[in-house]
Amino acid sequence: MALVRCLTEMGMGVDVHGRDYTRAACRAVSDAIRHSSIGFFRLLDRSVDEMHVEVNIGIPNPAAVDTAIVAAELPHGQVTVTVVAGGLEVPDDQGSDAMVIANAAVLVSFDDGKGAAV
């Protein structure tokens, strides 16, 4: 099986108060897919459940992100979420809170249907 990337979307999400890294990540994914309506899968004679959706999140504290909650932002496909160090954390004036900014790349691929090379 060889996956062929068919769509790449980028997004940014922010949690303004409370340092909720998962919320910022979810907002970044939502931003990435908000303006997409994927219809080409019908042209490929595939169903939406055959999509392979790879979500890459850049955020200051990757360990603080619940990847299952982020994956639930995607309504279809086989979703994998990878979280790496990135994004930005902007402390408030008192240093007691911060804005958390996450970046997301959502990649949609399909199996090319050619099977494994022999």
PDB file of N, CA and C in Angstrom:
ATOM      1  N   MET A   1       0.846  -1.172   0.000  1.00  0.00           N
ATOM      2  CA  MET A   1       0.000   0.000   0.000  1.00  0.00           C
ATOM      3  C   MET A   1       0.892   1.236   0.000  1.00  0.00           C
ATOM      4  N   ALA A   2       0.619   2.134  -0.913  1.00  0.00           N
ATOM      5  CA  ALA A   2       1.317   3.422  -0.951  1.00  0.00           C
ATOM      6  C   ALA A   2       0.275   4.517  -0.771  1.00  0.00           C
ATOM      7  N   LEU A   3       0.508   5.360   0.214  1.00  0.00           N
ATOM      8  CA  LEU A   3      -0.411   6.472   0.443  1.00  0.00           C
ATOM      9  C   LEU A   3      -0.015   7.643  -0.441  1.00  0.00           C
ATOM     10  N   VAL A   4      -1.026   8.269  -1.033  1.00  0.00           N
ATOM     11  CA  VAL A   4      -0.827   9.439  -1.875  1.00  0.00           C
ATOM     12  C   VAL A   4      -1.508  10.622  -1.186  1.00  0.00           C
ATOM     13  N   ARG A   5      -0.726  11.647  -0.881  1.00  0.00           N
ATOM     14  CA  ARG A   5      -1.291  12.831  -0.232  1.00  0.00           C
ATOM     15  C   ARG A   5      -2.157  13.587  -1.222  1.00  0.00           C
ATOM     16  N   CYS A   6      -3.375  13.874  -0.797  1.00  0.00           N
ATOM     17  CA  CYS A   6      -4.334  14.561  -1.654  1.00  0.00           C
ATOM     18  C   CYS A   6      -4.692  15.952  -1.153  1.00  0.00           C
ATOM     19  N   LEU A   7      -4.433  16.224   0.108  1.00  0.00           N
ATOM     20  CA  LEU A   7      -4.844  17.498   0.674  1.00  0.00           C
ATOM     21  C   LEU A   7      -3.938  17.840   1.851  1.00  0.00           C
ATOM     22  N   THR A   8      -3.556  19.098   1.937  1.00  0.00           N
ATOM     23  CA  THR A   8      -2.800  19.611   3.076  1.00  0.00           C
ATOM     24  C   THR A   8      -3.472  20.891   3.536  1.00  0.00           C
ATOM     25  N   GLU A   9      -3.813  20.931   4.807  1.00  0.00           N
ATOM     26  CA  GLU A   9      -4.430  22.126   5.382  1.00  0.00           C
ATOM     27  C   GLU A   9      -3.605  22.551   6.589  1.00  0.00           C
ATOM     28  N   MET A  10      -3.499  23.856   6.835  1.00  0.00           N
ATOM     29  CA  MET A  10      -2.765  24.390   7.973  1.00  0.00           C
ATOM     30  C   MET A  10      -3.691  25.238   8.821  1.00  0.00           C
ATOM     31  N   GLY A  11      -3.424  25.251  10.129  1.00  0.00           N
ATOM     32  CA  GLY A  11      -4.246  26.057  11.008  1.00  0.00           C
ATOM     33  C   GLY A  11      -3.502  26.502  12.249  1.00  0.00           C
ATOM     34  N   MET A  12      -4.078  27.465  12.928  1.00  0.00           N
ATOM     35  CA  MET A  12      -3.524  27.976  14.171  1.00  0.00           C
ATOM     36  C   MET A  12      -4.648  28.060  15.196  1.00  0.00           C
ATOM     37  N   GLY A  13      -4.335  27.701  16.433  1.00  0.00           N
ATOM     38  CA  GLY A  13      -5.322  27.788  17.502  1.00  0.00           C
ATOM     39  C   GLY A  13      -4.705  28.384  18.746  1.00  0.00           C
ATOM     40  N   VAL A  14      -5.517  29.090  19.514  1.00  0.00           N
ATOM     41  CA  VAL A  14      -5.033  29.789  20.697  1.00  0.00           C
ATOM     42  C   VAL A  14      -5.947  29.500  21.886  1.00  0.00           C
ATOM     43  N   ASP A  15      -5.338  29.221  23.041  1.00  0.00           N
ATOM     44  CA  ASP A  15      -6.053  29.240  24.307  1.00  0.00           C
ATOM     45  C   ASP A  15      -5.561  30.489  25.024  1.00  0.00           C
ATOM     46  N   VAL A  16      -6.430  31.458  25.207  1.00  0.00           N
ATOM     47  CA  VAL A  16      -6.035  32.769  25.697  1.00  0.00           C
ATOM     48  C   VAL A  16      -5.731  32.763  27.197  1.00  0.00           C
ATOM     49  N   HIS A  17      -6.459  31.976  27.990  1.00  0.00           N
ATOM     50  CA  HIS A  17      -6.239  31.919  29.442  1.00  0.00           C
ATOM     51  C   HIS A  17      -6.287  30.470  29.901  1.00  0.00           C
ATOM     52  N   GLY A  18      -5.406  30.119  30.823  1.00  0.00           N
ATOM     53  CA  GLY A  18      -5.496  28.820  31.465  1.00  0.00           C
ATOM     54  C   GLY A  18      -4.494  27.775  31.006  1.00  0.00           C
ATOM     55  N   ARG A  19      -3.709  28.097  29.990  1.00  0.00           N
ATOM     56  CA  ARG A  19      -2.696  27.164  29.479  1.00  0.00           C
ATOM     57  C   ARG A  19      -3.288  25.794  29.152  1.00  0.00           C
ATOM     58  N   ASP A  20      -4.403  25.778  28.428  1.00  0.00           N
ATOM     59  CA  ASP A  20      -5.019  24.515  28.013  1.00  0.00           C
ATOM     60  C   ASP A  20      -4.455  24.141  26.640  1.00  0.00           C
ATOM     61  N   TYR A  21      -3.444  23.293  26.653  1.00  0.00           N
ATOM     62  CA  TYR A  21      -2.741  22.915  25.428  1.00  0.00           C
ATOM     63  C   TYR A  21      -3.636  22.105  24.495  1.00  0.00           C
ATOM     64  N   THR A  22      -4.473  21.261  25.064  1.00  0.00           N
ATOM     65  CA  THR A  22      -5.382  20.467  24.224  1.00  0.00           C
ATOM     66  C   THR A  22      -6.383  21.376  23.527  1.00  0.00           C
ATOM     67  N   ARG A  23      -6.919  22.363  24.230  1.00  0.00           N
ATOM     68  CA  ARG A  23      -7.869  23.291  23.620  1.00  0.00           C
ATOM     69  C   ARG A  23      -7.211  24.049  22.466  1.00  0.00           C
ATOM     70  N   ALA A  24      -5.990  24.531  22.668  1.00  0.00           N
ATOM     71  CA  ALA A  24      -5.287  25.240  21.598  1.00  0.00           C
ATOM     72  C   ALA A  24      -5.061  24.321  20.399  1.00  0.00           C
ATOM     73  N   ALA A  25      -4.692  23.068  20.652  1.00  0.00           N
ATOM     74  CA  ALA A  25      -4.462  22.105  19.566  1.00  0.00           C
ATOM     75  C   ALA A  25      -5.757  21.830  18.806  1.00  0.00           C
ATOM     76  N   CYS A  26      -6.853  21.638  19.537  1.00  0.00           N
ATOM     77  CA  CYS A  26      -8.150  21.404  18.879  1.00  0.00           C
ATOM     78  C   CYS A  26      -8.564  22.594  18.026  1.00  0.00           C
ATOM     79  N   ARG A  27      -8.327  23.784  18.528  1.00  0.00           N
ATOM     80  CA  ARG A  27      -8.677  24.982  17.755  1.00  0.00           C
ATOM     81  C   ARG A  27      -7.821  25.097  16.502  1.00  0.00           C
ATOM     82  N   ALA A  28      -6.572  24.671  16.579  1.00  0.00           N
ATOM     83  CA  ALA A  28      -5.705  24.696  15.397  1.00  0.00           C
ATOM     84  C   ALA A  28      -6.209  23.718  14.339  1.00  0.00           C
ATOM     85  N   VAL A  29      -6.634  22.536  14.763  1.00  0.00           N
ATOM     86  CA  VAL A  29      -7.183  21.554  13.823  1.00  0.00           C
ATOM     87  C   VAL A  29      -8.483  22.067  13.228  1.00  0.00           C
ATOM     88  N   SER A  30      -9.341  22.615  14.075  1.00  0.00           N
ATOM     89  CA  SER A  30     -10.599  23.174  13.590  1.00  0.00           C
ATOM     90  C   SER A  30     -10.348  24.284  12.571  1.00  0.00           C
ATOM     91  N   ASP A  31      -9.375  25.140  12.845  1.00  0.00           N
ATOM     92  CA  ASP A  31      -9.024  26.208  11.912  1.00  0.00           C
ATOM     93  C   ASP A  31      -8.550  25.630  10.585  1.00  0.00           C
ATOM     94  N   ALA A  32      -7.786  24.551  10.644  1.00  0.00           N
ATOM     95  CA  ALA A  32      -7.254  23.945   9.423  1.00  0.00           C
ATOM     96  C   ALA A  32      -8.353  23.366   8.539  1.00  0.00           C
ATOM     97  N   ILE A  33      -9.362  22.774   9.139  1.00  0.00           N
ATOM     98  CA  ILE A  33     -10.377  22.082   8.327  1.00  0.00           C
ATOM     99  C   ILE A  33     -11.664  22.878   8.134  1.00  0.00           C
ATOM    100  N   ARG A  34     -11.790  24.006   8.800  1.00  0.00           N
ATOM    101  CA  ARG A  34     -13.035  24.762   8.802  1.00  0.00           C
ATOM    102  C   ARG A  34     -13.531  25.129   7.397  1.00  0.00           C
ATOM    103  N   HIS A  35     -12.636  25.415   6.498  1.00  0.00           N
ATOM    104  CA  HIS A  35     -13.045  25.873   5.162  1.00  0.00           C
ATOM    105  C   HIS A  35     -12.923  24.780   4.109  1.00  0.00           C
ATOM    106  N   SER A  36     -12.812  23.528   4.543  1.00  0.00           N
ATOM    107  CA  SER A  36     -12.647  22.415   3.602  1.00  0.00           C
ATOM    108  C   SER A  36     -13.937  21.623   3.473  1.00  0.00           C
ATOM    109  N   SER A  37     -14.220  21.230   2.273  1.00  0.00           N
ATOM    110  CA  SER A  37     -15.292  20.284   2.001  1.00  0.00           C
ATOM    111  C   SER A  37     -14.718  19.310   0.988  1.00  0.00           C
ATOM    112  N   ILE A  38     -14.304  18.183   1.487  1.00  0.00           N
ATOM    113  CA  ILE A  38     -13.599  17.224   0.634  1.00  0.00           C
ATOM    114  C   ILE A  38     -14.613  16.394  -0.133  1.00  0.00           C
ATOM    115  N   GLY A  39     -14.651  16.568  -1.429  1.00  0.00           N
ATOM    116  CA  GLY A  39     -15.574  15.827  -2.269  1.00  0.00           C
ATOM    117  C   GLY A  39     -14.886  14.943  -3.283  1.00  0.00           C
ATOM    118  N   PHE A  40     -13.573  15.081  -3.416  1.00  0.00           N
ATOM    119  CA  PHE A  40     -12.865  14.344  -4.465  1.00  0.00           C
ATOM    120  C   PHE A  40     -12.771  12.846  -4.195  1.00  0.00           C
ATOM    121  N   PHE A  41     -13.073  12.403  -2.975  1.00  0.00           N
ATOM    122  CA  PHE A  41     -13.007  10.971  -2.696  1.00  0.00           C
ATOM    123  C   PHE A  41     -13.983  10.189  -3.571  1.00  0.00           C
ATOM    124  N   ARG A  42     -15.079  10.834  -3.968  1.00  0.00           N
ATOM    125  CA  ARG A  42     -16.034  10.174  -4.874  1.00  0.00           C
ATOM    126  C   ARG A  42     -15.409   9.969  -6.253  1.00  0.00           C
ATOM    127  N   LEU A  43     -14.617  10.936  -6.688  1.00  0.00           N
ATOM    128  CA  LEU A  43     -13.910  10.816  -7.960  1.00  0.00           C
ATOM    129  C   LEU A  43     -12.938   9.635  -7.930  1.00  0.00           C
ATOM    130  N   LEU A  44     -12.375   9.370  -6.769  1.00  0.00           N
ATOM    131  CA  LEU A  44     -11.432   8.265  -6.592  1.00  0.00           C
ATOM    132  C   LEU A  44     -12.142   6.944  -6.301  1.00  0.00           C
ATOM    133  N   ASP A  45     -13.474   6.989  -6.248  1.00  0.00           N
ATOM    134  CA  ASP A  45     -14.286   5.822  -5.913  1.00  0.00           C
ATOM    135  C   ASP A  45     -13.911   5.279  -4.541  1.00  0.00           C
ATOM    136  N   ARG A  46     -13.795   6.178  -3.585  1.00  0.00           N
ATOM    137  CA  ARG A  46     -13.429   5.831  -2.207  1.00  0.00           C
ATOM    138  C   ARG A  46     -14.472   6.405  -1.257  1.00  0.00           C
ATOM    139  N   SER A  47     -14.480   5.883  -0.051  1.00  0.00           N
ATOM    140  CA  SER A  47     -15.370   6.437   0.974  1.00  0.00           C
ATOM    141  C   SER A  47     -14.557   7.338   1.904  1.00  0.00           C
ATOM    142  N   VAL A  48     -15.238   8.172   2.647  1.00  0.00           N
ATOM    143  CA  VAL A  48     -14.554   9.071   3.577  1.00  0.00           C
ATOM    144  C   VAL A  48     -13.821   8.290   4.653  1.00  0.00           C
ATOM    145  N   ASP A  49     -14.287   7.078   4.943  1.00  0.00           N
ATOM    146  CA  ASP A  49     -13.637   6.275   5.977  1.00  0.00           C
ATOM    147  C   ASP A  49     -12.306   5.692   5.503  1.00  0.00           C
ATOM    148  N   GLU A  50     -12.029   5.745   4.208  1.00  0.00           N
ATOM    149  CA  GLU A  50     -10.754   5.256   3.680  1.00  0.00           C
ATOM    150  C   GLU A  50      -9.655   6.321   3.726  1.00  0.00           C
ATOM    151  N   MET A  51     -10.019   7.534   4.113  1.00  0.00           N
ATOM    152  CA  MET A  51      -9.010   8.589   4.224  1.00  0.00           C
ATOM    153  C   MET A  51      -8.042   8.263   5.358  1.00  0.00           C
ATOM    154  N   HIS A  52      -6.784   8.539   5.118  1.00  0.00           N
ATOM    155  CA  HIS A  52      -5.768   8.493   6.170  1.00  0.00           C
ATOM    156  C   HIS A  52      -5.491   9.949   6.511  1.00  0.00           C
ATOM    157  N   VAL A  53      -5.805  10.333   7.733  1.00  0.00           N
ATOM    158  CA  VAL A  53      -5.663  11.724   8.140  1.00  0.00           C
ATOM    159  C   VAL A  53      -4.537  11.796   9.178  1.00  0.00           C
ATOM    160  N   GLU A  54      -3.483  12.492   8.808  1.00  0.00           N
ATOM    161  CA  GLU A  54      -2.339  12.674   9.690  1.00  0.00           C
ATOM    162  C   GLU A  54      -2.382  14.103  10.214  1.00  0.00           C
ATOM    163  N   VAL A  55      -2.431  14.236  11.531  1.00  0.00           N
ATOM    164  CA  VAL A  55      -2.469  15.546  12.163  1.00  0.00           C
ATOM    165  C   VAL A  55      -1.140  15.764  12.873  1.00  0.00           C
ATOM    166  N   ASN A  56      -0.477  16.844  12.537  1.00  0.00           N
ATOM    167  CA  ASN A  56       0.772  17.216  13.193  1.00  0.00           C
ATOM    168  C   ASN A  56       0.547  18.528  13.925  1.00  0.00           C
ATOM    169  N   ILE A  57       0.831  18.509  15.233  1.00  0.00           N
ATOM    170  CA  ILE A  57       0.621  19.682  16.077  1.00  0.00           C
ATOM    171  C   ILE A  57       1.967  20.152  16.612  1.00  0.00           C
ATOM    172  N   GLY A  58       2.231  21.452  16.509  1.00  0.00           N
ATOM    173  CA  GLY A  58       3.385  22.073  17.145  1.00  0.00           C
ATOM    174  C   GLY A  58       2.892  22.932  18.293  1.00  0.00           C
ATOM    175  N   ILE A  59       3.374  22.635  19.509  1.00  0.00           N
ATOM    176  CA  ILE A  59       2.892  23.325  20.708  1.00  0.00           C
ATOM    177  C   ILE A  59       4.009  23.301  21.753  1.00  0.00           C
ATOM    178  N   PRO A  60       4.092  24.305  22.630  1.00  0.00           N
ATOM    179  CA  PRO A  60       5.204  24.378  23.576  1.00  0.00           C
ATOM    180  C   PRO A  60       5.350  23.174  24.518  1.00  0.00           C
ATOM    181  N   ASN A  61       4.250  22.572  24.938  1.00  0.00           N
ATOM    182  CA  ASN A  61       4.322  21.442  25.862  1.00  0.00           C
ATOM    183  C   ASN A  61       3.574  20.250  25.267  1.00  0.00           C
ATOM    184  N   PRO A  62       4.224  19.482  24.395  1.00  0.00           N
ATOM    185  CA  PRO A  62       3.537  18.375  23.718  1.00  0.00           C
ATOM    186  C   PRO A  62       2.908  17.353  24.661  1.00  0.00           C
ATOM    187  N   ALA A  63       3.528  17.102  25.788  1.00  0.00           N
ATOM    188  CA  ALA A  63       3.010  16.098  26.727  1.00  0.00           C
ATOM    189  C   ALA A  63       1.671  16.509  27.338  1.00  0.00           C
ATOM    190  N   ALA A  64       1.319  17.785  27.277  1.00  0.00           N
ATOM    191  CA  ALA A  64       0.076  18.281  27.873  1.00  0.00           C
ATOM    192  C   ALA A  64      -1.121  18.168  26.928  1.00  0.00           C
ATOM    193  N   VAL A  65      -0.921  17.611  25.727  1.00  0.00           N
ATOM    194  CA  VAL A  65      -2.002  17.502  24.744  1.00  0.00           C
ATOM    195  C   VAL A  65      -2.607  16.099  24.791  1.00  0.00           C
ATOM    196  N   ASP A  66      -3.926  16.036  24.922  1.00  0.00           N
ATOM    197  CA  ASP A  66      -4.647  14.777  24.860  1.00  0.00           C
ATOM    198  C   ASP A  66      -4.944  14.482  23.390  1.00  0.00           C
ATOM    199  N   THR A  67      -4.173  13.580  22.794  1.00  0.00           N
ATOM    200  CA  THR A  67      -4.292  13.324  21.352  1.00  0.00           C
ATOM    201  C   THR A  67      -5.629  12.701  20.974  1.00  0.00           C
ATOM    202  N   ALA A  68      -6.255  11.966  21.874  1.00  0.00           N
ATOM    203  CA  ALA A  68      -7.572  11.387  21.567  1.00  0.00           C
ATOM    204  C   ALA A  68      -8.620  12.486  21.388  1.00  0.00           C
ATOM    205  N   ILE A  69      -8.548  13.518  22.211  1.00  0.00           N
ATOM    206  CA  ILE A  69      -9.491  14.636  22.076  1.00  0.00           C
ATOM    207  C   ILE A  69      -9.223  15.390  20.776  1.00  0.00           C
ATOM    208  N   VAL A  70      -7.961  15.586  20.436  1.00  0.00           N
ATOM    209  CA  VAL A  70      -7.617  16.254  19.172  1.00  0.00           C
ATOM    210  C   VAL A  70      -8.114  15.433  17.987  1.00  0.00           C
ATOM    211  N   ALA A  71      -7.907  14.120  18.016  1.00  0.00           N
ATOM    212  CA  ALA A  71      -8.349  13.243  16.919  1.00  0.00           C
ATOM    213  C   ALA A  71      -9.859  13.321  16.719  1.00  0.00           C
ATOM    214  N   ALA A  72     -10.591  13.527  17.798  1.00  0.00           N
ATOM    215  CA  ALA A  72     -12.054  13.603  17.719  1.00  0.00           C
ATOM    216  C   ALA A  72     -12.534  14.836  16.954  1.00  0.00           C
ATOM    217  N   GLU A  73     -11.651  15.804  16.708  1.00  0.00           N
ATOM    218  CA  GLU A  73     -12.008  16.982  15.909  1.00  0.00           C
ATOM    219  C   GLU A  73     -12.250  16.611  14.441  1.00  0.00           C
ATOM    220  N   LEU A  74     -11.722  15.467  14.004  1.00  0.00           N
ATOM    221  CA  LEU A  74     -11.837  15.037  12.616  1.00  0.00           C
ATOM    222  C   LEU A  74     -13.025  14.094  12.486  1.00  0.00           C
ATOM    223  N   PRO A  75     -13.982  14.415  11.631  1.00  0.00           N
ATOM    224  CA  PRO A  75     -15.211  13.633  11.562  1.00  0.00           C
ATOM    225  C   PRO A  75     -15.088  12.320  10.796  1.00  0.00           C
ATOM    226  N   HIS A  76     -14.043  12.153   9.994  1.00  0.00           N
ATOM    227  CA  HIS A  76     -13.938  10.967   9.146  1.00  0.00           C
ATOM    228  C   HIS A  76     -12.491  10.512   9.046  1.00  0.00           C
ATOM    229  N   GLY A  77     -12.338   9.290   8.583  1.00  0.00           N
ATOM    230  CA  GLY A  77     -11.018   8.775   8.267  1.00  0.00           C
ATOM    231  C   GLY A  77     -10.322   8.086   9.417  1.00  0.00           C
ATOM    232  N   GLN A  78      -9.166   7.543   9.084  1.00  0.00           N
ATOM    233  CA  GLN A  78      -8.291   6.899  10.053  1.00  0.00           C
ATOM    234  C   GLN A  78      -7.294   7.962  10.496  1.00  0.00           C
ATOM    235  N   VAL A  79      -7.463   8.441  11.724  1.00  0.00           N
ATOM    236  CA  VAL A  79      -6.738   9.621  12.191  1.00  0.00           C
ATOM    237  C   VAL A  79      -5.576   9.230  13.098  1.00  0.00           C
ATOM    238  N   THR A  80      -4.414   9.822  12.816  1.00  0.00           N
ATOM    239  CA  THR A  80      -3.282   9.725  13.734  1.00  0.00           C
ATOM    240  C   THR A  80      -2.858  11.152  14.088  1.00  0.00           C
ATOM    241  N   VAL A  81      -2.486  11.338  15.346  1.00  0.00           N
ATOM    242  CA  VAL A  81      -2.077  12.657  15.829  1.00  0.00           C
ATOM    243  C   VAL A  81      -0.661  12.556  16.377  1.00  0.00           C
ATOM    244  N   THR A  82       0.204  13.440  15.897  1.00  0.00           N
ATOM    245  CA  THR A  82       1.571  13.551  16.392  1.00  0.00           C
ATOM    246  C   THR A  82       1.748  14.953  16.939  1.00  0.00           C
ATOM    247  N   VAL A  83       2.310  15.044  18.131  1.00  0.00           N
ATOM    248  CA  VAL A  83       2.510  16.353  18.764  1.00  0.00           C
ATOM    249  C   VAL A  83       4.006  16.545  19.004  1.00  0.00           C
ATOM    250  N   VAL A  84       4.510  17.692  18.562  1.00  0.00           N
ATOM    251  CA  VAL A  84       5.931  18.007  18.716  1.00  0.00           C
ATOM    252  C   VAL A  84       6.086  19.391  19.340  1.00  0.00           C
ATOM    253  N   ALA A  85       7.286  19.662  19.815  1.00  0.00           N
ATOM    254  CA  ALA A  85       7.564  20.982  20.380  1.00  0.00           C
ATOM    255  C   ALA A  85       7.492  22.030  19.284  1.00  0.00           C
ATOM    256  N   GLY A  86       6.815  23.109  19.565  1.00  0.00           N
ATOM    257  CA  GLY A  86       6.660  24.199  18.602  1.00  0.00           C
ATOM    258  C   GLY A  86       5.679  25.205  19.159  1.00  0.00           C
ATOM    259  N   GLY A  87       5.036  25.936  18.275  1.00  0.00           N
ATOM    260  CA  GLY A  87       4.054  26.911  18.731  1.00  0.00           C
ATOM    261  C   GLY A  87       4.684  28.009  19.568  1.00  0.00           C
ATOM    262  N   LEU A  88       3.886  28.548  20.477  1.00  0.00           N
ATOM    263  CA  LEU A  88       4.340  29.688  21.254  1.00  0.00           C
ATOM    264  C   LEU A  88       3.526  29.783  22.537  1.00  0.00           C
ATOM    265  N   GLU A  89       4.192  30.204  23.608  1.00  0.00           N
ATOM    266  CA  GLU A  89       3.508  30.515  24.858  1.00  0.00           C
ATOM    267  C   GLU A  89       3.876  31.944  25.225  1.00  0.00           C
ATOM    268  N   VAL A  90       2.863  32.794  25.379  1.00  0.00           N
ATOM    269  CA  VAL A  90       3.086  34.206  25.678  1.00  0.00           C
ATOM    270  C   VAL A  90       2.580  34.482  27.091  1.00  0.00           C
ATOM    271  N   PRO A  91       3.492  34.671  28.064  1.00  0.00           N
ATOM    272  CA  PRO A  91       3.068  34.911  29.444  1.00  0.00           C
ATOM    273  C   PRO A  91       2.367  36.262  29.602  1.00  0.00           C
ATOM    274  N   ASP A  92       1.462  36.303  30.592  1.00  0.00           N
ATOM    275  CA  ASP A  92       0.827  37.587  30.892  1.00  0.00           C
ATOM    276  C   ASP A  92       1.805  38.462  31.675  1.00  0.00           C
ATOM    277  N   ASP A  93       1.393  39.692  31.968  1.00  0.00           N
ATOM    278  CA  ASP A  93       2.275  40.650  32.644  1.00  0.00           C
ATOM    279  C   ASP A  93       2.735  40.177  34.017  1.00  0.00           C
ATOM    280  N   GLN A  94       1.884  39.416  34.710  1.00  0.00           N
ATOM    281  CA  GLN A  94       2.228  38.954  36.044  1.00  0.00           C
ATOM    282  C   GLN A  94       2.978  37.621  36.038  1.00  0.00           C
ATOM    283  N   GLY A  95       2.996  36.942  34.894  1.00  0.00           N
ATOM    284  CA  GLY A  95       3.660  35.645  34.802  1.00  0.00           C
ATOM    285  C   GLY A  95       2.859  34.500  35.399  1.00  0.00           C
ATOM    286  N   SER A  96       1.604  34.743  35.732  1.00  0.00           N
ATOM    287  CA  SER A  96       0.773  33.707  36.346  1.00  0.00           C
ATOM    288  C   SER A  96      -0.097  32.958  35.339  1.00  0.00           C
ATOM    289  N   ASP A  97      -0.175  33.453  34.126  1.00  0.00           N
ATOM    290  CA  ASP A  97      -0.993  32.832  33.085  1.00  0.00           C
ATOM    291  C   ASP A  97      -0.281  33.060  31.761  1.00  0.00           C
ATOM    292  N   ALA A  98      -0.766  32.411  30.727  1.00  0.00           N
ATOM    293  CA  ALA A  98      -0.154  32.594  29.412  1.00  0.00           C
ATOM    294  C   ALA A  98      -1.134  32.235  28.311  1.00  0.00           C
ATOM    295  N   MET A  99      -0.912  32.834  27.164  1.00  0.00           N
ATOM    296  CA  MET A  99      -1.595  32.457  25.942  1.00  0.00           C
ATOM    297  C   MET A  99      -0.797  31.312  25.328  1.00  0.00           C
ATOM    298  N   VAL A 100      -1.489  30.242  24.926  1.00  0.00           N
ATOM    299  CA  VAL A 100      -0.838  29.118  24.272  1.00  0.00           C
ATOM    300  C   VAL A 100      -1.268  29.117  22.814  1.00  0.00           C
ATOM    301  N   ILE A 101      -0.289  29.103  21.919  1.00  0.00           N
ATOM    302  CA  ILE A 101      -0.561  29.113  20.482  1.00  0.00           C
ATOM    303  C   ILE A 101      -0.053  27.806  19.883  1.00  0.00           C
ATOM    304  N   ALA A 102      -0.932  27.121  19.181  1.00  0.00           N
ATOM    305  CA  ALA A 102      -0.601  25.849  18.531  1.00  0.00           C
ATOM    306  C   ALA A 102      -0.717  26.000  17.022  1.00  0.00           C
ATOM    307  N   ASN A 103       0.120  25.274  16.314  1.00  0.00           N
ATOM    308  CA  ASN A 103       0.033  25.185  14.859  1.00  0.00           C
ATOM    309  C   ASN A 103      -0.330  23.751  14.485  1.00  0.00           C
ATOM    310  N   ALA A 104      -1.137  23.609  13.440  1.00  0.00           N
ATOM    311  CA  ALA A 104      -1.542  22.279  12.990  1.00  0.00           C
ATOM    312  C   ALA A 104      -1.355  22.147  11.493  1.00  0.00           C
ATOM    313  N   ALA A 105      -0.922  20.970  11.080  1.00  0.00           N
ATOM    314  CA  ALA A 105      -0.934  20.572   9.674  1.00  0.00           C
ATOM    315  C   ALA A 105      -1.790  19.311   9.601  1.00  0.00           C
ATOM    316  N   VAL A 106      -2.809  19.342   8.766  1.00  0.00           N
ATOM    317  CA  VAL A 106      -3.697  18.198   8.586  1.00  0.00           C
ATOM    318  C   VAL A 106      -3.475  17.690   7.165  1.00  0.00           C
ATOM    319  N   LEU A 107      -3.019  16.440   7.072  1.00  0.00           N
ATOM    320  CA  LEU A 107      -2.667  15.837   5.787  1.00  0.00           C
ATOM    321  C   LEU A 107      -3.631  14.687   5.502  1.00  0.00           C
ATOM    322  N   VAL A 108      -4.282  14.725   4.345  1.00  0.00           N
ATOM    323  CA  VAL A 108      -5.229  13.686   3.961  1.00  0.00           C
ATOM    324  C   VAL A 108      -4.637  12.900   2.803  1.00  0.00           C
ATOM    325  N   SER A 109      -4.580  11.586   2.985  1.00  0.00           N
ATOM    326  CA  SER A 109      -4.022  10.707   1.958  1.00  0.00           C
ATOM    327  C   SER A 109      -4.970   9.542   1.709  1.00  0.00           C
ATOM    328  N   PHE A 110      -4.816   8.928   0.542  1.00  0.00           N
ATOM    329  CA  PHE A 110      -5.544   7.714   0.195  1.00  0.00           C
ATOM    330  C   PHE A 110      -4.548   6.679  -0.295  1.00  0.00           C
ATOM    331  N   ASP A 111      -4.894   5.423  -0.093  1.00  0.00           N
ATOM    332  CA  ASP A 111      -4.114   4.317  -0.648  1.00  0.00           C
ATOM    333  C   ASP A 111      -4.241   4.410  -2.171  1.00  0.00           C
ATOM    334  N   ASP A 112      -3.126   4.257  -2.869  1.00  0.00           N
ATOM    335  CA  ASP A 112      -3.170   4.377  -4.333  1.00  0.00           C
ATOM    336  C   ASP A 112      -3.839   3.180  -5.003  1.00  0.00           C
ATOM    337  N   GLY A 113      -4.151   2.118  -4.243  1.00  0.00           N
ATOM    338  CA  GLY A 113      -4.873   0.982  -4.788  1.00  0.00           C
ATOM    339  C   GLY A 113      -4.033   0.057  -5.646  1.00  0.00           C
ATOM    340  N   LYS A 114      -2.752   0.324  -5.737  1.00  0.00           N
ATOM    341  CA  LYS A 114      -1.883  -0.489  -6.589  1.00  0.00           C
ATOM    342  C   LYS A 114      -1.326  -1.710  -5.877  1.00  0.00           C
ATOM    343  N   GLY A 115      -1.514  -1.774  -4.559  1.00  0.00           N
ATOM    344  CA  GLY A 115      -0.984  -2.900  -3.801  1.00  0.00           C
ATOM    345  C   GLY A 115       0.508  -2.818  -3.636  1.00  0.00           C
ATOM    346  N   ALA A 116       1.055  -3.762  -2.909  1.00  0.00           N
ATOM    347  CA  ALA A 116       2.488  -3.778  -2.645  1.00  0.00           C
ATOM    348  C   ALA A 116       3.251  -4.251  -3.877  1.00  0.00           C
ATOM    349  N   ALA A 117       4.422  -3.668  -4.079  1.00  0.00           N
ATOM    350  CA  ALA A 117       5.274  -4.094  -5.194  1.00  0.00           C
ATOM    351  C   ALA A 117       5.809  -5.487  -4.891  1.00  0.00           C
ATOM    352  N   VAL A 118       5.870  -6.318  -5.924  1.00  0.00           N
ATOM    353  CA  VAL A 118       6.358  -7.695  -5.752  1.00  0.00           C
ATOM    354  C   VAL A 118       7.767  -7.817  -6.259  1.00  0.00           C
TER     355      VAL A 118
END
